[in-house]
Amino acid sequence: MRRSNKAAMYAAAALCLAGNVFTMVPAKASVFDFSFGPDAFGTFTTGAAAADPGYDLITGLTFDVLKGVDSSGNSFSFTNEVGSGFSAGAAFDPTTLAFINHSAGSTYHDIGDFDVPDAFIEGISFSLNSDGVQGSIDENEFFTGDELEITPAASPVPELSTWGMMLLGFASLGFVTFRRSGKRDISVVSA
């Protein structure tokens, strides 16, 4: 009985140590869906924590669809427009759904201006109370879409730390069970 308690204590200690090791592994990026209605929608990802408490740095943004009419009356429709050239510290707070960026020594409560292959997007488009996408295409301004809506994208695959903790937990349970079943067999044989 004393050895099984010892084994359980060692297994618990190993789980605590493994928990500390796996929490040091960087977390998978968070993915969010955004929509300005049927004319402009896509996804953005966040990664490491930003300098601003509660915010995570924006690591990517893609418009799956961006369509509308520019100031010259020209219709446009683009798909898979990947954003680039984000402002320094462009970040998102998943709790408040707020954006922030730092540019030219000032702080702004939007994502900051950025480029997509076929257009220039004004940062005010991604702000807490945005009511559409603003930007320009070949010097022609445009405004398209509806009020900005953000939802977390479904994440069907657990993070690495979750898998590691589950595997170590099952291995520890198996080890303790094996040790206990081995002792019973020995006691039956010696009796």
N, C-alpha and C. Protein backbone atom coordinates (compact mmCIF):
# COMPACT_ATOMS: atom_id res chain seq x y z
N MET A 1 0.82 -1.20 0.00
CA MET A 1 0.00 0.00 0.00
C MET A 1 0.86 1.25 0.00
N ARG A 2 1.95 1.23 0.73
CA ARG A 2 2.82 2.39 0.83
C ARG A 2 3.45 2.72 -0.52
N ARG A 3 3.83 1.67 -1.29
CA ARG A 3 4.46 1.92 -2.59
C ARG A 3 3.48 2.53 -3.59
N SER A 4 2.23 2.11 -3.53
CA SER A 4 1.25 2.67 -4.47
C SER A 4 0.99 4.15 -4.17
N ASN A 5 1.02 4.51 -2.87
CA ASN A 5 0.88 5.93 -2.52
C ASN A 5 2.07 6.72 -3.04
N LYS A 6 3.26 6.12 -2.93
CA LYS A 6 4.47 6.78 -3.42
C LYS A 6 4.39 6.97 -4.94
N ALA A 7 3.92 5.92 -5.62
CA ALA A 7 3.81 5.99 -7.08
C ALA A 7 2.81 7.07 -7.48
N ALA A 8 1.71 7.16 -6.75
CA ALA A 8 0.72 8.19 -7.05
C ALA A 8 1.28 9.58 -6.82
N MET A 9 2.09 9.74 -5.75
CA MET A 9 2.71 11.04 -5.48
C MET A 9 3.70 11.41 -6.59
N TYR A 10 4.48 10.41 -7.05
CA TYR A 10 5.42 10.67 -8.14
C TYR A 10 4.67 11.04 -9.43
N ALA A 11 3.55 10.34 -9.67
CA ALA A 11 2.78 10.64 -10.87
C ALA A 11 2.20 12.06 -10.80
N ALA A 12 1.71 12.46 -9.63
CA ALA A 12 1.18 13.82 -9.46
C ALA A 12 2.28 14.86 -9.66
N ALA A 13 3.47 14.58 -9.10
CA ALA A 13 4.59 15.51 -9.28
C ALA A 13 4.98 15.62 -10.75
N ALA A 14 4.98 14.49 -11.45
CA ALA A 14 5.32 14.51 -12.88
C ALA A 14 4.30 15.31 -13.67
N LEU A 15 3.01 15.18 -13.32
CA LEU A 15 1.98 15.95 -14.01
C LEU A 15 2.14 17.45 -13.77
N CYS A 16 2.47 17.82 -12.53
CA CYS A 16 2.68 19.24 -12.23
C CYS A 16 3.86 19.79 -13.02
N LEU A 17 4.95 19.03 -13.06
CA LEU A 17 6.14 19.46 -13.81
C LEU A 17 5.82 19.55 -15.30
N ALA A 18 5.12 18.53 -15.81
CA ALA A 18 4.76 18.55 -17.23
C ALA A 18 3.83 19.71 -17.54
N GLY A 19 2.92 20.02 -16.63
CA GLY A 19 2.02 21.16 -16.84
C GLY A 19 2.80 22.44 -17.00
N ASN A 20 3.86 22.62 -16.18
CA ASN A 20 4.69 23.82 -16.30
C ASN A 20 5.45 23.84 -17.61
N VAL A 21 5.94 22.68 -18.06
CA VAL A 21 6.68 22.61 -19.31
C VAL A 21 5.77 22.92 -20.48
N PHE A 22 4.56 22.33 -20.50
CA PHE A 22 3.66 22.53 -21.63
C PHE A 22 3.08 23.93 -21.67
N THR A 23 2.96 24.60 -20.55
CA THR A 23 2.45 25.97 -20.60
C THR A 23 3.49 26.93 -21.14
N MET A 24 4.76 26.50 -21.19
CA MET A 24 5.80 27.36 -21.77
C MET A 24 5.77 27.30 -23.29
N VAL A 25 5.10 26.27 -23.86
CA VAL A 25 4.98 26.16 -25.31
C VAL A 25 4.04 27.27 -25.79
N PRO A 26 4.43 28.03 -26.82
CA PRO A 26 3.57 29.12 -27.28
C PRO A 26 2.20 28.60 -27.71
N ALA A 27 1.18 29.32 -27.34
CA ALA A 27 -0.18 28.93 -27.69
C ALA A 27 -0.42 29.13 -29.18
N LYS A 28 -1.32 28.34 -29.70
CA LYS A 28 -1.72 28.47 -31.09
C LYS A 28 -2.40 29.82 -31.28
N ALA A 29 -2.26 30.38 -32.44
CA ALA A 29 -2.90 31.68 -32.72
C ALA A 29 -4.41 31.55 -32.63
N SER A 30 -5.06 32.62 -32.20
CA SER A 30 -6.52 32.68 -32.17
C SER A 30 -7.01 33.19 -33.52
N VAL A 31 -8.09 32.62 -33.98
CA VAL A 31 -8.64 32.99 -35.28
C VAL A 31 -10.04 33.57 -35.07
N PHE A 32 -10.31 34.69 -35.73
CA PHE A 32 -11.61 35.35 -35.62
C PHE A 32 -12.17 35.58 -37.02
N ASP A 33 -13.47 35.40 -37.14
CA ASP A 33 -14.17 35.75 -38.38
C ASP A 33 -14.67 37.18 -38.24
N PHE A 34 -14.58 37.94 -39.32
CA PHE A 34 -15.16 39.28 -39.32
C PHE A 34 -16.08 39.41 -40.52
N SER A 35 -17.07 40.25 -40.37
CA SER A 35 -18.02 40.45 -41.46
C SER A 35 -18.55 41.87 -41.46
N PHE A 36 -18.58 42.46 -42.63
CA PHE A 36 -19.23 43.75 -42.87
C PHE A 36 -20.45 43.48 -43.74
N GLY A 37 -21.14 42.38 -43.50
CA GLY A 37 -22.25 41.95 -44.33
C GLY A 37 -21.73 41.10 -45.48
N PRO A 38 -22.58 40.88 -46.49
CA PRO A 38 -22.19 39.98 -47.59
C PRO A 38 -21.13 40.57 -48.55
N ASP A 39 -20.85 41.87 -48.44
CA ASP A 39 -19.92 42.50 -49.38
C ASP A 39 -18.46 42.49 -48.93
N ALA A 40 -18.21 42.25 -47.66
CA ALA A 40 -16.84 42.26 -47.16
C ALA A 40 -16.76 41.40 -45.90
N PHE A 41 -16.03 40.29 -46.01
CA PHE A 41 -15.88 39.40 -44.86
C PHE A 41 -14.60 38.58 -45.00
N GLY A 42 -14.17 38.00 -43.89
CA GLY A 42 -12.96 37.19 -43.91
C GLY A 42 -12.56 36.77 -42.51
N THR A 43 -11.25 36.61 -42.29
CA THR A 43 -10.73 36.17 -41.00
C THR A 43 -9.48 36.98 -40.64
N PHE A 44 -9.21 37.07 -39.35
CA PHE A 44 -7.92 37.59 -38.90
C PHE A 44 -7.42 36.73 -37.76
N THR A 45 -6.09 36.71 -37.59
CA THR A 45 -5.47 35.91 -36.54
C THR A 45 -4.70 36.82 -35.60
N THR A 46 -4.64 36.38 -34.35
CA THR A 46 -3.84 37.09 -33.36
C THR A 46 -2.82 36.11 -32.79
N GLY A 47 -1.71 36.67 -32.31
CA GLY A 47 -0.65 35.82 -31.77
C GLY A 47 -0.25 36.24 -30.39
N ALA A 48 0.99 36.59 -30.22
CA ALA A 48 1.56 36.93 -28.91
C ALA A 48 0.86 38.14 -28.30
N ALA A 49 0.99 38.24 -26.98
CA ALA A 49 0.40 39.37 -26.26
C ALA A 49 1.06 40.67 -26.70
N ALA A 50 0.25 41.70 -26.85
CA ALA A 50 0.75 43.03 -27.22
C ALA A 50 1.22 43.75 -25.96
N ALA A 51 1.87 44.88 -26.15
CA ALA A 51 2.32 45.69 -25.02
C ALA A 51 1.14 46.23 -24.21
N ASP A 52 -0.01 46.35 -24.85
CA ASP A 52 -1.22 46.83 -24.18
C ASP A 52 -1.89 45.65 -23.47
N PRO A 53 -2.14 45.75 -22.18
CA PRO A 53 -2.76 44.63 -21.44
C PRO A 53 -4.11 44.22 -22.02
N GLY A 54 -4.29 42.93 -22.19
CA GLY A 54 -5.54 42.39 -22.73
C GLY A 54 -5.59 42.27 -24.24
N TYR A 55 -4.65 42.88 -24.94
CA TYR A 55 -4.63 42.85 -26.40
C TYR A 55 -3.63 41.81 -26.92
N ASP A 56 -3.96 41.20 -28.06
CA ASP A 56 -3.06 40.28 -28.75
C ASP A 56 -2.72 40.87 -30.11
N LEU A 57 -1.45 40.76 -30.50
CA LEU A 57 -1.01 41.31 -31.78
C LEU A 57 -1.72 40.64 -32.95
N ILE A 58 -2.07 41.41 -33.93
CA ILE A 58 -2.68 40.87 -35.14
C ILE A 58 -1.56 40.36 -36.03
N THR A 59 -1.64 39.07 -36.37
CA THR A 59 -0.59 38.45 -37.17
C THR A 59 -0.99 38.22 -38.62
N GLY A 60 -2.27 38.39 -38.93
CA GLY A 60 -2.71 38.23 -40.30
C GLY A 60 -4.17 38.60 -40.46
N LEU A 61 -4.55 38.99 -41.67
CA LEU A 61 -5.93 39.35 -41.96
C LEU A 61 -6.17 39.10 -43.44
N THR A 62 -7.27 38.40 -43.74
CA THR A 62 -7.61 38.10 -45.13
C THR A 62 -9.08 38.40 -45.38
N PHE A 63 -9.35 39.18 -46.41
CA PHE A 63 -10.71 39.37 -46.89
C PHE A 63 -11.02 38.19 -47.82
N ASP A 64 -11.98 37.36 -47.44
CA ASP A 64 -12.41 36.30 -48.36
C ASP A 64 -13.13 36.93 -49.54
N VAL A 65 -13.91 37.98 -49.26
CA VAL A 65 -14.62 38.73 -50.29
C VAL A 65 -14.54 40.21 -49.94
N LEU A 66 -14.26 41.03 -50.93
CA LEU A 66 -14.29 42.49 -50.80
C LEU A 66 -14.86 43.03 -52.11
N LYS A 67 -16.10 43.54 -52.05
CA LYS A 67 -16.71 44.03 -53.28
C LYS A 67 -17.55 45.27 -53.01
N GLY A 68 -17.78 46.05 -54.05
CA GLY A 68 -18.54 47.28 -53.92
C GLY A 68 -18.39 48.14 -55.16
N VAL A 69 -18.60 49.45 -54.98
CA VAL A 69 -18.48 50.42 -56.07
C VAL A 69 -17.64 51.58 -55.55
N ASP A 70 -16.62 52.01 -56.35
CA ASP A 70 -15.77 53.10 -55.89
C ASP A 70 -16.37 54.46 -56.25
N SER A 71 -15.69 55.54 -55.88
CA SER A 71 -16.22 56.90 -56.07
C SER A 71 -16.38 57.29 -57.54
N SER A 72 -15.73 56.57 -58.45
CA SER A 72 -15.90 56.84 -59.89
C SER A 72 -17.01 56.00 -60.51
N GLY A 73 -17.68 55.19 -59.69
CA GLY A 73 -18.76 54.36 -60.21
C GLY A 73 -18.30 53.02 -60.73
N ASN A 74 -17.02 52.68 -60.53
CA ASN A 74 -16.51 51.40 -60.99
C ASN A 74 -16.79 50.31 -59.96
N SER A 75 -17.39 49.21 -60.43
CA SER A 75 -17.64 48.07 -59.55
C SER A 75 -16.33 47.30 -59.37
N PHE A 76 -16.16 46.75 -58.16
CA PHE A 76 -14.99 45.91 -57.91
C PHE A 76 -15.41 44.70 -57.11
N SER A 77 -14.72 43.61 -57.31
CA SER A 77 -14.97 42.38 -56.57
C SER A 77 -13.66 41.60 -56.49
N PHE A 78 -13.15 41.45 -55.27
CA PHE A 78 -11.89 40.74 -55.05
C PHE A 78 -12.12 39.59 -54.07
N THR A 79 -11.34 38.56 -54.21
CA THR A 79 -11.39 37.44 -53.28
C THR A 79 -9.98 37.14 -52.77
N ASN A 80 -9.92 36.58 -51.59
CA ASN A 80 -8.65 36.18 -50.95
C ASN A 80 -7.62 37.30 -50.94
N GLU A 81 -8.01 38.46 -50.43
CA GLU A 81 -7.13 39.62 -50.33
C GLU A 81 -6.41 39.57 -48.98
N VAL A 82 -5.12 39.26 -48.99
CA VAL A 82 -4.32 39.12 -47.77
C VAL A 82 -3.71 40.46 -47.39
N GLY A 83 -3.96 40.90 -46.16
CA GLY A 83 -3.47 42.18 -45.68
C GLY A 83 -1.98 42.16 -45.37
N SER A 84 -1.34 43.34 -45.53
CA SER A 84 0.09 43.49 -45.20
C SER A 84 0.35 44.94 -44.78
N GLY A 85 1.49 45.16 -44.16
CA GLY A 85 1.87 46.52 -43.78
C GLY A 85 1.08 47.07 -42.62
N PHE A 86 0.77 46.22 -41.62
CA PHE A 86 0.01 46.69 -40.46
C PHE A 86 0.81 47.68 -39.63
N SER A 87 0.13 48.56 -38.95
CA SER A 87 0.77 49.54 -38.06
C SER A 87 1.44 48.82 -36.90
N ALA A 88 2.43 49.50 -36.32
CA ALA A 88 3.14 48.93 -35.17
C ALA A 88 2.17 48.73 -34.02
N GLY A 89 2.21 47.55 -33.42
CA GLY A 89 1.35 47.26 -32.28
C GLY A 89 -0.11 47.07 -32.62
N ALA A 90 -0.42 46.83 -33.91
CA ALA A 90 -1.82 46.57 -34.29
C ALA A 90 -2.29 45.34 -33.52
N ALA A 91 -3.33 45.52 -32.71
CA ALA A 91 -3.75 44.44 -31.81
C ALA A 91 -5.25 44.44 -31.62
N PHE A 92 -5.74 43.34 -31.02
CA PHE A 92 -7.16 43.12 -30.81
C PHE A 92 -7.38 42.56 -29.41
N ASP A 93 -8.42 43.04 -28.73
CA ASP A 93 -8.79 42.55 -27.41
C ASP A 93 -10.03 41.67 -27.57
N PRO A 94 -9.88 40.33 -27.43
CA PRO A 94 -11.03 39.44 -27.67
C PRO A 94 -12.15 39.60 -26.65
N THR A 95 -11.88 40.19 -25.50
CA THR A 95 -12.91 40.38 -24.48
C THR A 95 -13.82 41.56 -24.81
N THR A 96 -13.23 42.67 -25.20
CA THR A 96 -14.01 43.88 -25.49
C THR A 96 -14.28 44.08 -26.98
N LEU A 97 -13.65 43.26 -27.82
CA LEU A 97 -13.74 43.36 -29.29
C LEU A 97 -13.19 44.69 -29.80
N ALA A 98 -12.23 45.26 -29.07
CA ALA A 98 -11.63 46.55 -29.45
C ALA A 98 -10.31 46.33 -30.17
N PHE A 99 -9.97 47.27 -31.05
CA PHE A 99 -8.69 47.26 -31.77
C PHE A 99 -7.84 48.41 -31.25
N ILE A 100 -6.52 48.31 -31.48
CA ILE A 100 -5.61 49.39 -31.08
C ILE A 100 -4.38 49.33 -31.98
N ASN A 101 -3.73 50.46 -32.19
CA ASN A 101 -2.43 50.49 -32.87
C ASN A 101 -1.66 51.71 -32.39
N HIS A 102 -0.37 51.68 -32.61
CA HIS A 102 0.51 52.79 -32.22
C HIS A 102 1.24 53.25 -33.47
N SER A 103 1.03 54.50 -33.85
CA SER A 103 1.65 55.03 -35.05
C SER A 103 2.11 56.45 -34.78
N ALA A 104 3.31 56.77 -35.20
CA ALA A 104 3.87 58.12 -35.06
C ALA A 104 3.80 58.62 -33.63
N GLY A 105 4.03 57.73 -32.68
CA GLY A 105 4.06 58.11 -31.27
C GLY A 105 2.70 58.31 -30.62
N SER A 106 1.63 58.00 -31.34
CA SER A 106 0.28 58.15 -30.79
C SER A 106 -0.43 56.80 -30.75
N THR A 107 -1.49 56.73 -29.96
CA THR A 107 -2.30 55.52 -29.86
C THR A 107 -3.65 55.78 -30.51
N TYR A 108 -4.08 54.84 -31.35
CA TYR A 108 -5.36 54.93 -32.04
C TYR A 108 -6.19 53.70 -31.74
N HIS A 109 -7.50 53.87 -31.65
CA HIS A 109 -8.38 52.75 -31.33
C HIS A 109 -8.98 52.15 -32.59
N ASP A 110 -8.08 51.77 -33.49
CA ASP A 110 -8.44 51.02 -34.69
C ASP A 110 -7.21 50.21 -35.09
N ILE A 111 -7.33 49.45 -36.15
CA ILE A 111 -6.24 48.55 -36.56
C ILE A 111 -5.09 49.30 -37.24
N GLY A 112 -5.35 50.49 -37.73
CA GLY A 112 -4.35 51.21 -38.51
C GLY A 112 -4.48 50.87 -39.99
N ASP A 113 -4.01 51.75 -40.84
CA ASP A 113 -4.10 51.54 -42.29
C ASP A 113 -3.23 50.36 -42.71
N PHE A 114 -3.69 49.63 -43.74
CA PHE A 114 -2.91 48.53 -44.28
C PHE A 114 -3.28 48.29 -45.74
N ASP A 115 -2.48 47.49 -46.40
CA ASP A 115 -2.68 47.19 -47.82
C ASP A 115 -3.21 45.79 -48.02
N VAL A 116 -3.97 45.62 -49.08
CA VAL A 116 -4.29 44.31 -49.64
C VAL A 116 -3.84 44.41 -51.10
N PRO A 117 -3.65 43.29 -51.80
CA PRO A 117 -3.08 43.37 -53.15
C PRO A 117 -3.78 44.34 -54.10
N ASP A 118 -5.09 44.48 -54.01
CA ASP A 118 -5.82 45.31 -54.97
C ASP A 118 -6.38 46.60 -54.41
N ALA A 119 -6.12 46.89 -53.11
CA ALA A 119 -6.71 48.09 -52.51
C ALA A 119 -5.90 48.54 -51.30
N PHE A 120 -6.23 49.73 -50.82
CA PHE A 120 -5.68 50.27 -49.59
C PHE A 120 -6.84 50.37 -48.61
N ILE A 121 -6.68 49.82 -47.40
CA ILE A 121 -7.76 49.81 -46.42
C ILE A 121 -7.43 50.80 -45.30
N GLU A 122 -8.38 51.69 -45.01
CA GLU A 122 -8.19 52.63 -43.92
C GLU A 122 -8.48 51.93 -42.59
N GLY A 123 -7.61 52.17 -41.62
CA GLY A 123 -7.68 51.49 -40.33
C GLY A 123 -8.97 51.70 -39.59
N ILE A 124 -9.63 52.83 -39.82
CA ILE A 124 -10.88 53.12 -39.13
C ILE A 124 -11.94 52.06 -39.44
N SER A 125 -11.75 51.32 -40.53
CA SER A 125 -12.68 50.23 -40.87
C SER A 125 -12.74 49.20 -39.75
N PHE A 126 -11.58 48.96 -39.12
CA PHE A 126 -11.53 47.99 -38.03
C PHE A 126 -11.41 48.74 -36.71
N SER A 127 -12.54 49.25 -36.28
CA SER A 127 -12.64 49.91 -34.98
C SER A 127 -13.90 49.40 -34.31
N LEU A 128 -14.04 49.69 -33.04
CA LEU A 128 -15.13 49.12 -32.25
C LEU A 128 -16.52 49.40 -32.83
N ASN A 129 -16.75 50.59 -33.37
CA ASN A 129 -18.07 50.95 -33.88
C ASN A 129 -18.09 51.16 -35.39
N SER A 130 -17.28 50.42 -36.10
CA SER A 130 -17.18 50.58 -37.55
C SER A 130 -18.49 50.19 -38.23
N ASP A 131 -18.85 50.98 -39.26
CA ASP A 131 -20.07 50.68 -40.00
C ASP A 131 -19.79 50.37 -41.47
N GLY A 132 -18.55 50.00 -41.80
CA GLY A 132 -18.22 49.61 -43.17
C GLY A 132 -16.73 49.69 -43.43
N VAL A 133 -16.33 49.19 -44.58
CA VAL A 133 -14.93 49.21 -45.00
C VAL A 133 -14.67 50.47 -45.82
N GLN A 134 -13.66 51.24 -45.42
CA GLN A 134 -13.25 52.43 -46.16
C GLN A 134 -11.88 52.17 -46.76
N GLY A 135 -11.65 52.71 -47.93
CA GLY A 135 -10.35 52.56 -48.55
C GLY A 135 -10.30 53.21 -49.91
N SER A 136 -9.32 52.78 -50.69
CA SER A 136 -9.19 53.32 -52.05
C SER A 136 -8.61 52.26 -52.97
N ILE A 137 -9.00 52.41 -54.25
CA ILE A 137 -8.48 51.55 -55.31
C ILE A 137 -8.06 52.49 -56.43
N ASP A 138 -6.77 52.48 -56.76
CA ASP A 138 -6.26 53.35 -57.83
C ASP A 138 -6.73 54.80 -57.66
N GLU A 139 -6.55 55.36 -56.49
CA GLU A 139 -6.88 56.75 -56.17
C GLU A 139 -8.39 57.02 -56.08
N ASN A 140 -9.21 56.02 -56.30
CA ASN A 140 -10.66 56.18 -56.17
C ASN A 140 -11.10 55.64 -54.82
N GLU A 141 -11.75 56.47 -54.02
CA GLU A 141 -12.18 56.04 -52.69
C GLU A 141 -13.40 55.13 -52.78
N PHE A 142 -13.57 54.30 -51.76
CA PHE A 142 -14.76 53.46 -51.67
C PHE A 142 -15.18 53.30 -50.22
N PHE A 143 -16.46 52.99 -50.07
CA PHE A 143 -17.03 52.65 -48.77
C PHE A 143 -18.05 51.55 -49.04
N THR A 144 -17.89 50.41 -48.37
CA THR A 144 -18.77 49.29 -48.65
C THR A 144 -19.07 48.51 -47.38
N GLY A 145 -20.15 47.78 -47.42
CA GLY A 145 -20.47 46.89 -46.31
C GLY A 145 -21.35 47.51 -45.25
N ASP A 146 -21.59 46.70 -44.21
CA ASP A 146 -22.44 47.08 -43.09
C ASP A 146 -21.61 47.17 -41.82
N GLU A 147 -22.29 47.17 -40.68
CA GLU A 147 -21.63 47.22 -39.38
C GLU A 147 -20.71 46.01 -39.17
N LEU A 148 -19.55 46.24 -38.59
CA LEU A 148 -18.56 45.19 -38.34
C LEU A 148 -19.06 44.23 -37.27
N GLU A 149 -19.00 42.94 -37.57
CA GLU A 149 -19.31 41.89 -36.61
C GLU A 149 -18.11 40.95 -36.52
N ILE A 150 -17.76 40.56 -35.29
CA ILE A 150 -16.61 39.69 -35.06
C ILE A 150 -17.06 38.50 -34.23
N THR A 151 -16.66 37.30 -34.66
CA THR A 151 -16.94 36.08 -33.91
C THR A 151 -15.70 35.21 -33.90
N PRO A 152 -15.45 34.51 -32.78
CA PRO A 152 -14.32 33.57 -32.77
C PRO A 152 -14.58 32.44 -33.75
N ALA A 153 -13.57 32.09 -34.52
CA ALA A 153 -13.70 30.97 -35.45
C ALA A 153 -13.65 29.67 -34.67
N ALA A 154 -14.34 28.66 -35.15
CA ALA A 154 -14.34 27.35 -34.48
C ALA A 154 -12.93 26.77 -34.49
N SER A 155 -12.54 26.17 -33.37
CA SER A 155 -11.21 25.56 -33.25
C SER A 155 -11.37 24.09 -32.89
N PRO A 156 -11.46 23.20 -33.90
CA PRO A 156 -11.73 21.80 -33.62
C PRO A 156 -10.53 21.03 -33.05
N VAL A 157 -9.33 21.54 -33.20
CA VAL A 157 -8.15 20.81 -32.76
C VAL A 157 -7.59 21.45 -31.49
N PRO A 158 -7.46 20.64 -30.40
CA PRO A 158 -6.90 21.20 -29.16
C PRO A 158 -5.45 21.65 -29.35
N GLU A 159 -5.02 22.58 -28.49
CA GLU A 159 -3.65 23.07 -28.54
C GLU A 159 -2.69 21.98 -28.09
N LEU A 160 -1.41 22.15 -28.41
CA LEU A 160 -0.37 21.18 -28.07
C LEU A 160 -0.33 20.92 -26.57
N SER A 161 -0.47 21.95 -25.76
CA SER A 161 -0.40 21.76 -24.31
C SER A 161 -1.56 20.90 -23.82
N THR A 162 -2.73 21.02 -24.43
CA THR A 162 -3.88 20.20 -24.04
C THR A 162 -3.62 18.74 -24.35
N TRP A 163 -3.10 18.45 -25.55
CA TRP A 163 -2.78 17.07 -25.91
C TRP A 163 -1.72 16.49 -24.97
N GLY A 164 -0.71 17.28 -24.68
CA GLY A 164 0.36 16.81 -23.79
C GLY A 164 -0.14 16.46 -22.41
N MET A 165 -0.98 17.32 -21.86
CA MET A 165 -1.53 17.06 -20.52
C MET A 165 -2.44 15.83 -20.53
N MET A 166 -3.23 15.66 -21.58
CA MET A 166 -4.10 14.48 -21.64
C MET A 166 -3.26 13.20 -21.74
N LEU A 167 -2.24 13.21 -22.58
CA LEU A 167 -1.41 12.02 -22.73
C LEU A 167 -0.66 11.69 -21.44
N LEU A 168 -0.13 12.69 -20.77
CA LEU A 168 0.57 12.43 -19.51
C LEU A 168 -0.40 11.93 -18.43
N GLY A 169 -1.60 12.46 -18.42
CA GLY A 169 -2.60 12.00 -17.46
C GLY A 169 -2.96 10.54 -17.67
N PHE A 170 -3.21 10.17 -18.93
CA PHE A 170 -3.53 8.77 -19.22
C PHE A 170 -2.35 7.85 -18.93
N ALA A 171 -1.15 8.29 -19.26
CA ALA A 171 0.04 7.47 -18.98
C ALA A 171 0.21 7.28 -17.47
N SER A 172 -0.02 8.32 -16.70
CA SER A 172 0.11 8.22 -15.24
C SER A 172 -0.93 7.27 -14.67
N LEU A 173 -2.17 7.38 -15.14
CA LEU A 173 -3.20 6.46 -14.68
C LEU A 173 -2.87 5.03 -15.05
N GLY A 174 -2.39 4.83 -16.25
CA GLY A 174 -1.98 3.49 -16.68
C GLY A 174 -0.86 2.94 -15.84
N PHE A 175 0.12 3.78 -15.51
CA PHE A 175 1.26 3.35 -14.69
C PHE A 175 0.80 2.94 -13.30
N VAL A 176 -0.04 3.76 -12.68
CA VAL A 176 -0.53 3.44 -11.33
C VAL A 176 -1.36 2.16 -11.36
N THR A 177 -2.21 2.00 -12.36
CA THR A 177 -3.01 0.79 -12.49
C THR A 177 -2.13 -0.43 -12.70
N PHE A 178 -1.12 -0.31 -13.53
CA PHE A 178 -0.19 -1.41 -13.79
C PHE A 178 0.53 -1.81 -12.52
N ARG A 179 0.99 -0.83 -11.75
CA ARG A 179 1.71 -1.13 -10.50
C ARG A 179 0.80 -1.86 -9.52
N ARG A 180 -0.44 -1.40 -9.43
CA ARG A 180 -1.37 -2.04 -8.49
C ARG A 180 -1.73 -3.45 -8.95
N SER A 181 -1.99 -3.64 -10.22
CA SER A 181 -2.36 -4.97 -10.71
C SER A 181 -1.18 -5.93 -10.61
N GLY A 182 0.03 -5.44 -10.77
CA GLY A 182 1.23 -6.27 -10.63
C GLY A 182 1.41 -6.77 -9.21
N LYS A 183 1.10 -6.00 -8.22
CA LYS A 183 1.23 -6.40 -6.82
C LYS A 183 0.21 -7.47 -6.48
N ARG A 184 -1.01 -7.38 -7.00
CA ARG A 184 -2.02 -8.39 -6.72
C ARG A 184 -1.59 -9.73 -7.27
N ASP A 185 -1.05 -9.72 -8.48
CA ASP A 185 -0.63 -10.98 -9.07
C ASP A 185 0.48 -11.62 -8.24
N ILE A 186 1.41 -10.81 -7.74
CA ILE A 186 2.51 -11.34 -6.94
C ILE A 186 1.98 -11.91 -5.64
N SER A 187 1.05 -11.23 -4.99
CA SER A 187 0.52 -11.71 -3.71
C SER A 187 -0.28 -13.01 -3.89
N VAL A 188 -0.98 -13.17 -5.01
CA VAL A 188 -1.73 -14.38 -5.27
C VAL A 188 -0.78 -15.56 -5.49
N VAL A 189 0.32 -15.34 -6.19
CA VAL A 189 1.28 -16.40 -6.48
C VAL A 189 1.98 -16.83 -5.20
N SER A 190 2.31 -15.89 -4.34
CA SER A 190 3.07 -16.26 -3.14
C SER A 190 2.19 -16.86 -2.06
N ALA A 191 0.88 -16.77 -2.13
CA ALA A 191 0.01 -17.29 -1.09
C ALA A 191 -0.22 -18.76 -1.15
